[in-house]
Amino acid sequence: MTYPLFAAAALAEIAGCFAFWAWWRLEKSPLWLVPGIISLVAFAWLLALAPTDAAGRAYAAYGGIYVAASLLWLWSFEGVRPDRFDLAGAATCVLGASLILLAPRGT
């Protein structure tokens, strides 16, 4: 359940940040900020649903998923295909996120 939750949070965060990027850097209409703010609120809400005992641990594990999702965004929405170094870096990040999420903890 945690991986799909983090994937949804990543999509919401990236979409929200891209809306701000489009407004600021691509000179799109300020109306782009409305869905951007909604997406960022959805991101925060989704990340708060993470079933973990500490917020910092959720943020750390989420970071690895975010890196991979960002490269998917790069390819899907910006038309730039990730190279082998991007993919190796994303795999390393997801592995690290999995280690954080799945490590046995005696609490």
C-alpha atoms as a PDB file:
ATOM      1  CA  MET A   1       0.000   0.000   0.000  1.00  0.00           C
ATOM      2  CA  THR A   2       2.857   2.407   0.743  1.00  0.00           C
ATOM      3  CA  TYR A   3       4.408   2.374  -2.740  1.00  0.00           C
ATOM      4  CA  PRO A   4       1.158   3.324  -4.552  1.00  0.00           C
ATOM      5  CA  LEU A   5       0.551   6.018  -1.936  1.00  0.00           C
ATOM      6  CA  PHE A   6       4.022   7.448  -2.481  1.00  0.00           C
ATOM      7  CA  ALA A   7       3.567   7.232  -6.263  1.00  0.00           C
ATOM      8  CA  ALA A   8       0.311   9.197  -6.033  1.00  0.00           C
ATOM      9  CA  ALA A   9       1.961  11.750  -3.736  1.00  0.00           C
ATOM     10  CA  ALA A  10       4.861  12.096  -6.178  1.00  0.00           C
ATOM     11  CA  LEU A  11       2.521  12.672  -9.113  1.00  0.00           C
ATOM     12  CA  ALA A  12       0.639  15.332  -7.142  1.00  0.00           C
ATOM     13  CA  GLU A  13       3.841  17.058  -6.044  1.00  0.00           C
ATOM     14  CA  ILE A  14       5.428  17.013  -9.483  1.00  0.00           C
ATOM     15  CA  ALA A  15       2.237  18.261 -11.162  1.00  0.00           C
ATOM     16  CA  GLY A  16       1.915  21.041  -8.592  1.00  0.00           C
ATOM     17  CA  CYS A  17       5.520  22.103  -8.930  1.00  0.00           C
ATOM     18  CA  PHE A  18       5.317  21.915 -12.721  1.00  0.00           C
ATOM     19  CA  ALA A  19       2.317  24.267 -12.660  1.00  0.00           C
ATOM     20  CA  PHE A  20       4.471  26.828 -10.831  1.00  0.00           C
ATOM     21  CA  TRP A  21       7.354  26.138 -13.234  1.00  0.00           C
ATOM     22  CA  ALA A  22       5.048  26.687 -16.208  1.00  0.00           C
ATOM     23  CA  TRP A  23       3.758  29.972 -14.789  1.00  0.00           C
ATOM     24  CA  TRP A  24       7.169  31.306 -13.790  1.00  0.00           C
ATOM     25  CA  ARG A  25       9.611  29.849 -16.323  1.00  0.00           C
ATOM     26  CA  LEU A  26       7.369  29.197 -19.332  1.00  0.00           C
ATOM     27  CA  GLU A  27       5.338  32.388 -18.858  1.00  0.00           C
ATOM     28  CA  LYS A  28       1.993  30.593 -18.721  1.00  0.00           C
ATOM     29  CA  SER A  29      -1.138  32.209 -17.306  1.00  0.00           C
ATOM     30  CA  PRO A  30      -1.320  32.781 -13.535  1.00  0.00           C
ATOM     31  CA  LEU A  31      -4.359  30.484 -13.683  1.00  0.00           C
ATOM     32  CA  TRP A  32      -1.869  27.606 -13.791  1.00  0.00           C
ATOM     33  CA  LEU A  33      -1.302  28.335 -10.104  1.00  0.00           C
ATOM     34  CA  VAL A  34      -4.811  27.189  -9.133  1.00  0.00           C
ATOM     35  CA  PRO A  35      -4.390  23.513 -10.079  1.00  0.00           C
ATOM     36  CA  GLY A  36      -0.795  23.780  -8.874  1.00  0.00           C
ATOM     37  CA  ILE A  37      -1.887  24.728  -5.367  1.00  0.00           C
ATOM     38  CA  ILE A  38      -4.585  22.042  -5.361  1.00  0.00           C
ATOM     39  CA  SER A  39      -2.005  19.446  -6.422  1.00  0.00           C
ATOM     40  CA  LEU A  40       0.422  20.497  -3.713  1.00  0.00           C
ATOM     41  CA  VAL A  41      -2.313  20.268  -1.061  1.00  0.00           C
ATOM     42  CA  ALA A  42      -3.170  16.779  -2.360  1.00  0.00           C
ATOM     43  CA  PHE A  43       0.520  15.862  -2.162  1.00  0.00           C
ATOM     44  CA  ALA A  44       0.759  16.903   1.493  1.00  0.00           C
ATOM     45  CA  TRP A  45      -2.443  15.044   2.355  1.00  0.00           C
ATOM     46  CA  LEU A  46      -1.320  11.863   0.585  1.00  0.00           C
ATOM     47  CA  LEU A  47       2.101  11.893   2.206  1.00  0.00           C
ATOM     48  CA  ALA A  48       0.492  12.369   5.627  1.00  0.00           C
ATOM     49  CA  LEU A  49      -1.388   9.086   5.046  1.00  0.00           C
ATOM     50  CA  ALA A  50       1.876   7.121   4.926  1.00  0.00           C
ATOM     51  CA  PRO A  51       1.735   4.247   7.416  1.00  0.00           C
ATOM     52  CA  THR A  52       4.971   4.932   9.261  1.00  0.00           C
ATOM     53  CA  ASP A  53       5.887   5.730  12.839  1.00  0.00           C
ATOM     54  CA  ALA A  54       7.836   8.914  12.038  1.00  0.00           C
ATOM     55  CA  ALA A  55       7.273  11.708   9.553  1.00  0.00           C
ATOM     56  CA  GLY A  56      10.977  12.016   8.761  1.00  0.00           C
ATOM     57  CA  ARG A  57      11.161   8.345   7.822  1.00  0.00           C
ATOM     58  CA  ALA A  58       8.162   8.753   5.514  1.00  0.00           C
ATOM     59  CA  TYR A  59       9.789  11.770   3.860  1.00  0.00           C
ATOM     60  CA  ALA A  60      13.093   9.959   3.438  1.00  0.00           C
ATOM     61  CA  ALA A  61      11.502   6.876   1.872  1.00  0.00           C
ATOM     62  CA  TYR A  62       9.233   9.022  -0.288  1.00  0.00           C
ATOM     63  CA  GLY A  63      12.283  10.821  -1.668  1.00  0.00           C
ATOM     64  CA  GLY A  64      13.459   7.699  -3.453  1.00  0.00           C
ATOM     65  CA  ILE A  65      10.075   7.170  -5.078  1.00  0.00           C
ATOM     66  CA  TYR A  66       9.953  10.861  -6.009  1.00  0.00           C
ATOM     67  CA  VAL A  67      13.234  10.594  -7.926  1.00  0.00           C
ATOM     68  CA  ALA A  68      11.906   7.723 -10.045  1.00  0.00           C
ATOM     69  CA  ALA A  69       8.564   9.467 -10.597  1.00  0.00           C
ATOM     70  CA  SER A  70      10.369  12.644 -11.671  1.00  0.00           C
ATOM     71  CA  LEU A  71      12.166  10.741 -14.402  1.00  0.00           C
ATOM     72  CA  LEU A  72       8.870   9.246 -15.562  1.00  0.00           C
ATOM     73  CA  TRP A  73       7.482  12.800 -15.716  1.00  0.00           C
ATOM     74  CA  LEU A  74      10.554  13.898 -17.673  1.00  0.00           C
ATOM     75  CA  TRP A  75       9.894  11.205 -20.252  1.00  0.00           C
ATOM     76  CA  SER A  76       6.089  11.294 -20.352  1.00  0.00           C
ATOM     77  CA  PHE A  77       5.395  15.031 -20.201  1.00  0.00           C
ATOM     78  CA  GLU A  78       8.601  16.711 -21.298  1.00  0.00           C
ATOM     79  CA  GLY A  79       9.561  14.242 -24.014  1.00  0.00           C
ATOM     80  CA  VAL A  80      13.109  13.695 -22.710  1.00  0.00           C
ATOM     81  CA  ARG A  81      14.069  10.059 -22.447  1.00  0.00           C
ATOM     82  CA  PRO A  82      16.049   9.203 -19.291  1.00  0.00           C
ATOM     83  CA  ASP A  83      19.507   7.832 -19.999  1.00  0.00           C
ATOM     84  CA  ARG A  84      21.188   4.871 -18.329  1.00  0.00           C
ATOM     85  CA  PHE A  85      22.635   7.046 -15.584  1.00  0.00           C
ATOM     86  CA  ASP A  86      19.194   8.451 -14.786  1.00  0.00           C
ATOM     87  CA  LEU A  87      17.806   4.921 -14.607  1.00  0.00           C
ATOM     88  CA  ALA A  88      20.681   3.643 -12.468  1.00  0.00           C
ATOM     89  CA  GLY A  89      20.274   6.583 -10.101  1.00  0.00           C
ATOM     90  CA  ALA A  90      16.517   6.042  -9.854  1.00  0.00           C
ATOM     91  CA  ALA A  91      16.992   2.332  -9.182  1.00  0.00           C
ATOM     92  CA  THR A  92      19.467   3.160  -6.423  1.00  0.00           C
ATOM     93  CA  CYS A  93      17.008   5.615  -4.888  1.00  0.00           C
ATOM     94  CA  VAL A  94      14.107   3.141  -4.995  1.00  0.00           C
ATOM     95  CA  LEU A  95      16.343   0.501  -3.444  1.00  0.00           C
ATOM     96  CA  GLY A  96      17.242   2.928  -0.664  1.00  0.00           C
ATOM     97  CA  ALA A  97      13.587   3.842  -0.150  1.00  0.00           C
ATOM     98  CA  SER A  98      12.727   0.148   0.066  1.00  0.00           C
ATOM     99  CA  LEU A  99      15.439  -0.408   2.642  1.00  0.00           C
ATOM    100  CA  ILE A 100      13.991   2.392   4.773  1.00  0.00           C
ATOM    101  CA  LEU A 101      10.411   1.153   4.366  1.00  0.00           C
ATOM    102  CA  LEU A 102      10.940  -2.575   4.749  1.00  0.00           C
ATOM    103  CA  ALA A 103      13.666  -2.716   7.404  1.00  0.00           C
ATOM    104  CA  PRO A 104      12.632  -4.698  10.468  1.00  0.00           C
ATOM    105  CA  ARG A 105      12.259  -2.417  13.442  1.00  0.00           C
ATOM    106  CA  GLY A 106      11.549  -3.518  16.950  1.00  0.00           C
ATOM    107  CA  THR A 107       9.075  -0.901  18.167  1.00  0.00           C
END
